[in-house]
């Protein structure tokens, strides 16, 4: 997960989360003793699903999870942390400066402010919003050959089902639910929902949000709204 030369950076980031992160209300006091298993390792497992040299946008980055962890674990990635709250972007900027993470950019903005301006190979998020809403914020940032990687919990399959109409509206392919596990086990798997475009050749730039139908959208029960479950070691 963390190479030996990157481990000191991860340890310092954990210290900052447990001190300044708690003082500024970015991490709950009860989370401090379990930062490694519950947060850092959980996010570091996502790194194995990201292509080499990819541009990554972390939507609603908060205290930097998973964006900062990805930048620490994978110095080959170009990571943009998108977060609208000043107290969070201030913390993120301070961490980036102290750890000298030259491949990280902090942007204080809502994700939709970047629509039509920026696009990325991978768009990540963790505990930001249900998948249905996340698609509206994230898919306009995903380049034609790119993907959305949303970290989810035990409700991943339910969220995919609930987002069936939105997935169809955006022209997404069949989502995959992946379980990313640490070598040797010992920690809970990281559950990730992967969403890509159904037909990259039909994705034009800038991406225009599709119109919602009037009234509630019925759930689809066909293949497009059904998630594929895949386990990854």
C-alpha atoms as a PDB file:
ATOM      1  CA  UNK A   1       0.000   0.000   0.000  1.00  0.00           C
ATOM      2  CA  UNK A   2       2.653   2.534   1.054  1.00  0.00           C
ATOM      3  CA  UNK A   3       6.190   2.083  -0.240  1.00  0.00           C
ATOM      4  CA  UNK A   4       8.886   2.403   2.427  1.00  0.00           C
ATOM      5  CA  UNK A   5       9.981   5.809   1.144  1.00  0.00           C
ATOM      6  CA  UNK A   6       6.367   7.075   1.307  1.00  0.00           C
ATOM      7  CA  UNK A   7       5.534   5.678   4.738  1.00  0.00           C
ATOM      8  CA  UNK A   8       6.961   8.687   6.663  1.00  0.00           C
ATOM      9  CA  UNK A   9       4.623  10.949   4.673  1.00  0.00           C
ATOM     10  CA  UNK A  10       1.648   8.751   5.542  1.00  0.00           C
ATOM     11  CA  UNK A  11       2.639   8.760   9.213  1.00  0.00           C
ATOM     12  CA  UNK A  12       2.946  12.553   9.272  1.00  0.00           C
ATOM     13  CA  UNK A  13      -0.423  12.927   7.556  1.00  0.00           C
ATOM     14  CA  UNK A  14      -1.955  10.644  10.197  1.00  0.00           C
ATOM     15  CA  UNK A  15      -0.448  12.854  12.920  1.00  0.00           C
ATOM     16  CA  UNK A  16      -1.920  15.970  11.330  1.00  0.00           C
ATOM     17  CA  UNK A  17      -5.343  14.327  11.082  1.00  0.00           C
ATOM     18  CA  UNK A  18      -5.217  13.243  14.732  1.00  0.00           C
ATOM     19  CA  UNK A  19      -4.219  16.724  15.931  1.00  0.00           C
ATOM     20  CA  UNK A  20      -5.146  19.626  13.646  1.00  0.00           C
ATOM     21  CA  UNK A  21      -7.826  17.559  11.918  1.00  0.00           C
ATOM     22  CA  UNK A  22      -9.621  16.936  15.203  1.00  0.00           C
ATOM     23  CA  UNK A  23      -9.143  20.509  16.472  1.00  0.00           C
ATOM     24  CA  UNK A  24     -10.648  21.922  13.276  1.00  0.00           C
ATOM     25  CA  UNK A  25     -13.564  19.517  13.257  1.00  0.00           C
ATOM     26  CA  UNK A  26     -12.451  17.621  10.166  1.00  0.00           C
ATOM     27  CA  UNK A  27     -12.106  14.291  11.971  1.00  0.00           C
ATOM     28  CA  UNK A  28     -14.147  13.193  14.974  1.00  0.00           C
ATOM     29  CA  UNK A  29     -12.208  12.594  18.217  1.00  0.00           C
ATOM     30  CA  UNK A  30     -13.299   8.950  18.247  1.00  0.00           C
ATOM     31  CA  UNK A  31     -11.766   8.435  14.796  1.00  0.00           C
ATOM     32  CA  UNK A  32      -8.239   9.384  15.867  1.00  0.00           C
ATOM     33  CA  UNK A  33      -7.341   5.986  17.446  1.00  0.00           C
ATOM     34  CA  UNK A  34      -8.470   4.104  14.323  1.00  0.00           C
ATOM     35  CA  UNK A  35      -7.141   6.376  11.604  1.00  0.00           C
ATOM     36  CA  UNK A  36      -4.971   3.734   9.989  1.00  0.00           C
ATOM     37  CA  UNK A  37      -7.398   0.831   9.612  1.00  0.00           C
ATOM     38  CA  UNK A  38     -10.577   2.823   9.094  1.00  0.00           C
ATOM     39  CA  UNK A  39      -9.246   5.660   6.961  1.00  0.00           C
ATOM     40  CA  UNK A  40      -5.680   5.550   5.627  1.00  0.00           C
ATOM     41  CA  UNK A  41      -5.480   1.862   4.717  1.00  0.00           C
ATOM     42  CA  UNK A  42      -9.086   1.960   3.514  1.00  0.00           C
ATOM     43  CA  UNK A  43      -8.212   4.758   1.082  1.00  0.00           C
ATOM     44  CA  UNK A  44      -4.788   3.397   0.121  1.00  0.00           C
ATOM     45  CA  UNK A  45      -6.424   0.222  -1.207  1.00  0.00           C
ATOM     46  CA  UNK A  46      -8.134   2.349  -3.847  1.00  0.00           C
ATOM     47  CA  UNK A  47      -4.727   3.142  -5.349  1.00  0.00           C
ATOM     48  CA  UNK A  48      -4.520  -0.341  -6.872  1.00  0.00           C
ATOM     49  CA  UNK A  49      -7.560   0.425  -9.068  1.00  0.00           C
ATOM     50  CA  UNK A  50      -6.108   3.581 -10.654  1.00  0.00           C
ATOM     51  CA  UNK A  51      -4.058   3.478 -13.889  1.00  0.00           C
ATOM     52  CA  UNK A  52      -0.430   4.620 -13.940  1.00  0.00           C
ATOM     53  CA  UNK A  53       0.060   8.358 -14.395  1.00  0.00           C
ATOM     54  CA  UNK A  54      -3.658   9.146 -14.262  1.00  0.00           C
ATOM     55  CA  UNK A  55      -5.142  12.535 -13.529  1.00  0.00           C
ATOM     56  CA  UNK A  56      -7.422  12.205 -10.488  1.00  0.00           C
ATOM     57  CA  UNK A  57     -10.126  14.513  -9.170  1.00  0.00           C
ATOM     58  CA  UNK A  58     -11.241  13.919  -5.577  1.00  0.00           C
ATOM     59  CA  UNK A  59     -14.737  15.404  -5.242  1.00  0.00           C
ATOM     60  CA  UNK A  60     -15.674  16.666  -1.774  1.00  0.00           C
ATOM     61  CA  UNK A  61     -12.198  15.895  -0.497  1.00  0.00           C
ATOM     62  CA  UNK A  62     -12.868  17.007   3.096  1.00  0.00           C
ATOM     63  CA  UNK A  63      -9.756  16.210   5.120  1.00  0.00           C
ATOM     64  CA  UNK A  64      -8.108  14.625   2.072  1.00  0.00           C
ATOM     65  CA  UNK A  65      -9.678  11.178   2.066  1.00  0.00           C
ATOM     66  CA  UNK A  66      -9.029   9.561  -0.324  1.00  0.00           C
ATOM     67  CA  UNK A  67      -7.245  12.209  -2.412  1.00  0.00           C
ATOM     68  CA  UNK A  68      -4.253  12.940  -0.183  1.00  0.00           C
ATOM     69  CA  UNK A  69      -3.783   9.266   0.615  1.00  0.00           C
ATOM     70  CA  UNK A  70      -3.699   8.470  -3.111  1.00  0.00           C
ATOM     71  CA  UNK A  71      -1.129  11.209  -3.698  1.00  0.00           C
ATOM     72  CA  UNK A  72       1.047   9.847  -0.896  1.00  0.00           C
ATOM     73  CA  UNK A  73       0.767   6.223  -2.002  1.00  0.00           C
ATOM     74  CA  UNK A  74       1.074   6.969  -5.733  1.00  0.00           C
ATOM     75  CA  UNK A  75       3.423   9.857  -6.582  1.00  0.00           C
ATOM     76  CA  UNK A  76       2.828   9.115 -10.284  1.00  0.00           C
ATOM     77  CA  UNK A  77      -0.731  10.444 -10.015  1.00  0.00           C
ATOM     78  CA  UNK A  78      -1.759  14.070 -10.598  1.00  0.00           C
ATOM     79  CA  UNK A  79      -4.373  14.735  -7.926  1.00  0.00           C
ATOM     80  CA  UNK A  80      -6.831  17.632  -7.719  1.00  0.00           C
ATOM     81  CA  UNK A  81      -8.639  18.025  -4.396  1.00  0.00           C
ATOM     82  CA  UNK A  82     -12.001  19.754  -4.861  1.00  0.00           C
ATOM     83  CA  UNK A  83     -13.621  21.058  -1.688  1.00  0.00           C
ATOM     84  CA  UNK A  84     -15.935  24.089  -1.209  1.00  0.00           C
ATOM     85  CA  UNK A  85     -15.351  24.821   2.510  1.00  0.00           C
ATOM     86  CA  UNK A  86     -12.552  27.235   3.416  1.00  0.00           C
ATOM     87  CA  UNK A  87     -11.517  25.587   6.688  1.00  0.00           C
ATOM     88  CA  UNK A  88     -11.041  22.296   4.837  1.00  0.00           C
ATOM     89  CA  UNK A  89      -9.120  23.742   1.887  1.00  0.00           C
ATOM     90  CA  UNK A  90      -6.917  25.625   4.345  1.00  0.00           C
ATOM     91  CA  UNK A  91      -6.029  22.356   6.070  1.00  0.00           C
ATOM     92  CA  UNK A  92      -5.492  20.588   2.742  1.00  0.00           C
ATOM     93  CA  UNK A  93      -3.198  23.352   1.489  1.00  0.00           C
ATOM     94  CA  UNK A  94      -1.148  23.239   4.695  1.00  0.00           C
ATOM     95  CA  UNK A  95      -0.744  19.446   4.464  1.00  0.00           C
ATOM     96  CA  UNK A  96       0.230  19.595   0.783  1.00  0.00           C
ATOM     97  CA  UNK A  97       2.847  22.243   1.599  1.00  0.00           C
ATOM     98  CA  UNK A  98       4.292  20.440   4.622  1.00  0.00           C
ATOM     99  CA  UNK A  99       4.499  17.067   2.876  1.00  0.00           C
ATOM    100  CA  UNK A 100       5.811  18.710  -0.321  1.00  0.00           C
ATOM    101  CA  UNK A 101       3.281  16.946  -2.521  1.00  0.00           C
ATOM    102  CA  UNK A 102       4.150  18.626  -5.806  1.00  0.00           C
ATOM    103  CA  UNK A 103       1.589  16.632  -7.803  1.00  0.00           C
ATOM    104  CA  UNK A 104      -1.395  17.839  -5.733  1.00  0.00           C
ATOM    105  CA  UNK A 105      -3.624  20.831  -6.476  1.00  0.00           C
ATOM    106  CA  UNK A 106      -6.219  22.160  -4.013  1.00  0.00           C
ATOM    107  CA  UNK A 107      -9.278  23.821  -5.551  1.00  0.00           C
ATOM    108  CA  UNK A 108     -11.842  25.571  -3.373  1.00  0.00           C
ATOM    109  CA  UNK A 109     -15.057  25.066  -5.337  1.00  0.00           C
ATOM    110  CA  UNK A 110     -18.095  22.925  -5.777  1.00  0.00           C
ATOM    111  CA  UNK A 111     -17.622  20.104  -8.259  1.00  0.00           C
ATOM    112  CA  UNK A 112     -20.150  21.589 -10.679  1.00  0.00           C
ATOM    113  CA  UNK A 113     -18.061  24.777 -10.926  1.00  0.00           C
ATOM    114  CA  UNK A 114     -15.493  22.718 -12.843  1.00  0.00           C
ATOM    115  CA  UNK A 115     -18.012  21.335 -15.345  1.00  0.00           C
ATOM    116  CA  UNK A 116     -16.962  22.260 -18.867  1.00  0.00           C
ATOM    117  CA  UNK A 117     -13.588  23.512 -17.603  1.00  0.00           C
ATOM    118  CA  UNK A 118     -11.743  20.411 -16.400  1.00  0.00           C
ATOM    119  CA  UNK A 119     -11.804  16.677 -17.073  1.00  0.00           C
ATOM    120  CA  UNK A 120      -9.958  13.775 -15.514  1.00  0.00           C
ATOM    121  CA  UNK A 121      -9.095  10.140 -16.103  1.00  0.00           C
ATOM    122  CA  UNK A 122     -10.463   9.199 -12.672  1.00  0.00           C
ATOM    123  CA  UNK A 123     -12.969  10.957 -10.404  1.00  0.00           C
ATOM    124  CA  UNK A 124     -13.041   9.690  -6.822  1.00  0.00           C
ATOM    125  CA  UNK A 125     -15.156  10.359  -3.756  1.00  0.00           C
ATOM    126  CA  UNK A 126     -15.719   8.950  -0.294  1.00  0.00           C
ATOM    127  CA  UNK A 127     -18.859   9.348   1.824  1.00  0.00           C
ATOM    128  CA  UNK A 128     -19.954  12.414  -0.162  1.00  0.00           C
ATOM    129  CA  UNK A 129     -23.452  11.592  -1.451  1.00  0.00           C
ATOM    130  CA  UNK A 130     -25.623   8.732  -2.721  1.00  0.00           C
ATOM    131  CA  UNK A 131     -24.526   7.455  -6.124  1.00  0.00           C
ATOM    132  CA  UNK A 132     -27.539   8.962  -7.912  1.00  0.00           C
ATOM    133  CA  UNK A 133     -26.565  12.491  -6.842  1.00  0.00           C
ATOM    134  CA  UNK A 134     -22.859  11.785  -7.210  1.00  0.00           C
ATOM    135  CA  UNK A 135     -23.314  11.034 -10.907  1.00  0.00           C
ATOM    136  CA  UNK A 136     -24.610  14.567 -11.550  1.00  0.00           C
ATOM    137  CA  UNK A 137     -21.573  16.082  -9.858  1.00  0.00           C
ATOM    138  CA  UNK A 138     -18.913  13.707 -11.145  1.00  0.00           C
ATOM    139  CA  UNK A 139     -19.715  12.393 -14.640  1.00  0.00           C
ATOM    140  CA  UNK A 140     -19.235  15.800 -16.343  1.00  0.00           C
ATOM    141  CA  UNK A 141     -15.639  15.647 -15.032  1.00  0.00           C
ATOM    142  CA  UNK A 142     -14.927  12.155 -16.402  1.00  0.00           C
ATOM    143  CA  UNK A 143     -13.116  12.105 -19.741  1.00  0.00           C
ATOM    144  CA  UNK A 144     -14.474   9.750 -22.440  1.00  0.00           C
ATOM    145  CA  UNK A 145     -12.078   6.927 -21.582  1.00  0.00           C
ATOM    146  CA  UNK A 146     -12.156   7.678 -17.845  1.00  0.00           C
ATOM    147  CA  UNK A 147     -14.080   6.339 -14.877  1.00  0.00           C
ATOM    148  CA  UNK A 148     -15.804   7.245 -11.641  1.00  0.00           C
ATOM    149  CA  UNK A 149     -14.520   5.355  -8.587  1.00  0.00           C
ATOM    150  CA  UNK A 150     -16.837   5.954  -5.641  1.00  0.00           C
ATOM    151  CA  UNK A 151     -15.905   4.486  -2.281  1.00  0.00           C
ATOM    152  CA  UNK A 152     -19.006   2.995  -0.684  1.00  0.00           C
ATOM    153  CA  UNK A 153     -19.996   0.702   2.170  1.00  0.00           C
ATOM    154  CA  UNK A 154     -22.351  -2.203   2.581  1.00  0.00           C
ATOM    155  CA  UNK A 155     -25.154  -0.294   0.833  1.00  0.00           C
ATOM    156  CA  UNK A 156     -23.291  -0.146  -2.497  1.00  0.00           C
ATOM    157  CA  UNK A 157     -25.615  -2.545  -4.313  1.00  0.00           C
ATOM    158  CA  UNK A 158     -28.698  -0.685  -3.090  1.00  0.00           C
ATOM    159  CA  UNK A 159     -27.241   2.648  -4.223  1.00  0.00           C
ATOM    160  CA  UNK A 160     -26.539   1.224  -7.670  1.00  0.00           C
ATOM    161  CA  UNK A 161     -30.116  -0.026  -7.921  1.00  0.00           C
ATOM    162  CA  UNK A 162     -31.517   3.312  -6.810  1.00  0.00           C
ATOM    163  CA  UNK A 163     -29.328   5.117  -9.367  1.00  0.00           C
ATOM    164  CA  UNK A 164     -30.469   2.985 -12.328  1.00  0.00           C
ATOM    165  CA  UNK A 165     -32.464   5.772 -13.985  1.00  0.00           C
ATOM    166  CA  UNK A 166     -29.628   8.292 -13.526  1.00  0.00           C
ATOM    167  CA  UNK A 167     -27.091   5.839 -14.940  1.00  0.00           C
ATOM    168  CA  UNK A 168     -29.300   5.403 -17.996  1.00  0.00           C
ATOM    169  CA  UNK A 169     -29.854   9.156 -18.343  1.00  0.00           C
ATOM    170  CA  UNK A 170     -26.128   9.865 -18.299  1.00  0.00           C
ATOM    171  CA  UNK A 171     -25.315   7.067 -20.750  1.00  0.00           C
ATOM    172  CA  UNK A 172     -23.183   5.100 -18.305  1.00  0.00           C
ATOM    173  CA  UNK A 173     -22.161   1.496 -18.728  1.00  0.00           C
ATOM    174  CA  UNK A 174     -23.041  -1.261 -16.283  1.00  0.00           C
ATOM    175  CA  UNK A 175     -21.509  -0.370 -12.892  1.00  0.00           C
ATOM    176  CA  UNK A 176     -19.098  -2.741 -11.188  1.00  0.00           C
ATOM    177  CA  UNK A 177     -18.863  -3.227  -7.440  1.00  0.00           C
ATOM    178  CA  UNK A 178     -15.323  -4.144  -6.477  1.00  0.00           C
ATOM    179  CA  UNK A 179     -13.961  -5.427  -3.179  1.00  0.00           C
ATOM    180  CA  UNK A 180     -10.337  -4.285  -2.860  1.00  0.00           C
ATOM    181  CA  UNK A 181      -8.473  -6.277  -0.224  1.00  0.00           C
ATOM    182  CA  UNK A 182      -5.101  -5.832   1.436  1.00  0.00           C
ATOM    183  CA  UNK A 183      -2.413  -8.473   0.906  1.00  0.00           C
ATOM    184  CA  UNK A 184      -2.674 -10.916   3.775  1.00  0.00           C
ATOM    185  CA  UNK A 185      -6.030  -9.507   4.871  1.00  0.00           C
ATOM    186  CA  UNK A 186      -6.343  -8.146   8.379  1.00  0.00           C
ATOM    187  CA  UNK A 187      -8.495  -5.154   7.404  1.00  0.00           C
ATOM    188  CA  UNK A 188     -11.966  -4.843   5.939  1.00  0.00           C
ATOM    189  CA  UNK A 189     -12.134  -4.683   2.133  1.00  0.00           C
ATOM    190  CA  UNK A 190     -12.605  -1.335   0.454  1.00  0.00           C
ATOM    191  CA  UNK A 191     -15.870  -1.369  -1.503  1.00  0.00           C
ATOM    192  CA  UNK A 192     -15.716   0.682  -4.699  1.00  0.00           C
ATOM    193  CA  UNK A 193     -18.383   1.349  -7.306  1.00  0.00           C
ATOM    194  CA  UNK A 194     -16.830   1.815 -10.753  1.00  0.00           C
ATOM    195  CA  UNK A 195     -18.808   3.666 -13.406  1.00  0.00           C
ATOM    196  CA  UNK A 196     -17.594   4.335 -16.958  1.00  0.00           C
ATOM    197  CA  UNK A 197     -19.266   5.628 -20.102  1.00  0.00           C
ATOM    198  CA  UNK A 198     -21.244   3.024 -22.064  1.00  0.00           C
ATOM    199  CA  UNK A 199     -19.904   4.379 -25.377  1.00  0.00           C
ATOM    200  CA  UNK A 200     -16.880   6.688 -25.036  1.00  0.00           C
ATOM    201  CA  UNK A 201     -17.078   7.612 -28.737  1.00  0.00           C
ATOM    202  CA  UNK A 202     -20.408   9.357 -28.116  1.00  0.00           C
ATOM    203  CA  UNK A 203     -19.154  11.511 -25.243  1.00  0.00           C
ATOM    204  CA  UNK A 204     -18.761  15.100 -26.449  1.00  0.00           C
ATOM    205  CA  UNK A 205     -16.972  17.947 -24.688  1.00  0.00           C
ATOM    206  CA  UNK A 206     -18.105  19.874 -22.778  1.00  0.00           C
ATOM    207  CA  UNK A 207     -20.519  17.351 -21.322  1.00  0.00           C
ATOM    208  CA  UNK A 208     -24.037  18.709 -20.994  1.00  0.00           C
ATOM    209  CA  UNK A 209     -26.163  17.404 -18.136  1.00  0.00           C
ATOM    210  CA  UNK A 210     -29.089  15.394 -19.517  1.00  0.00           C
ATOM    211  CA  UNK A 211     -32.560  16.644 -18.729  1.00  0.00           C
ATOM    212  CA  UNK A 212     -34.458  14.934 -15.966  1.00  0.00           C
ATOM    213  CA  UNK A 213     -37.898  13.626 -16.728  1.00  0.00           C
ATOM    214  CA  UNK A 214     -40.850  15.392 -15.165  1.00  0.00           C
ATOM    215  CA  UNK A 215     -41.906  13.610 -12.002  1.00  0.00           C
ATOM    216  CA  UNK A 216     -40.204  10.656 -10.333  1.00  0.00           C
ATOM    217  CA  UNK A 217     -38.173   8.370 -12.557  1.00  0.00           C
ATOM    218  CA  UNK A 218     -39.075   4.699 -12.386  1.00  0.00           C
ATOM    219  CA  UNK A 219     -36.380   2.233 -11.448  1.00  0.00           C
ATOM    220  CA  UNK A 220     -35.066   0.098 -14.264  1.00  0.00           C
ATOM    221  CA  UNK A 221     -34.693  -3.590 -13.689  1.00  0.00           C
ATOM    222  CA  UNK A 222     -32.826  -4.419 -16.885  1.00  0.00           C
ATOM    223  CA  UNK A 223     -29.127  -5.012 -17.372  1.00  0.00           C
ATOM    224  CA  UNK A 224     -28.159  -1.347 -17.419  1.00  0.00           C
ATOM    225  CA  UNK A 225     -29.255  -0.813 -13.851  1.00  0.00           C
ATOM    226  CA  UNK A 226     -27.815  -4.047 -12.505  1.00  0.00           C
ATOM    227  CA  UNK A 227     -24.388  -3.995 -10.923  1.00  0.00           C
ATOM    228  CA  UNK A 228     -21.714  -6.546 -11.646  1.00  0.00           C
ATOM    229  CA  UNK A 229     -19.968  -7.792  -8.519  1.00  0.00           C
ATOM    230  CA  UNK A 230     -16.278  -8.466  -8.873  1.00  0.00           C
ATOM    231  CA  UNK A 231     -13.826  -9.339  -6.119  1.00  0.00           C
ATOM    232  CA  UNK A 232     -10.272  -8.106  -6.397  1.00  0.00           C
ATOM    233  CA  UNK A 233      -7.337  -9.267  -4.319  1.00  0.00           C
END
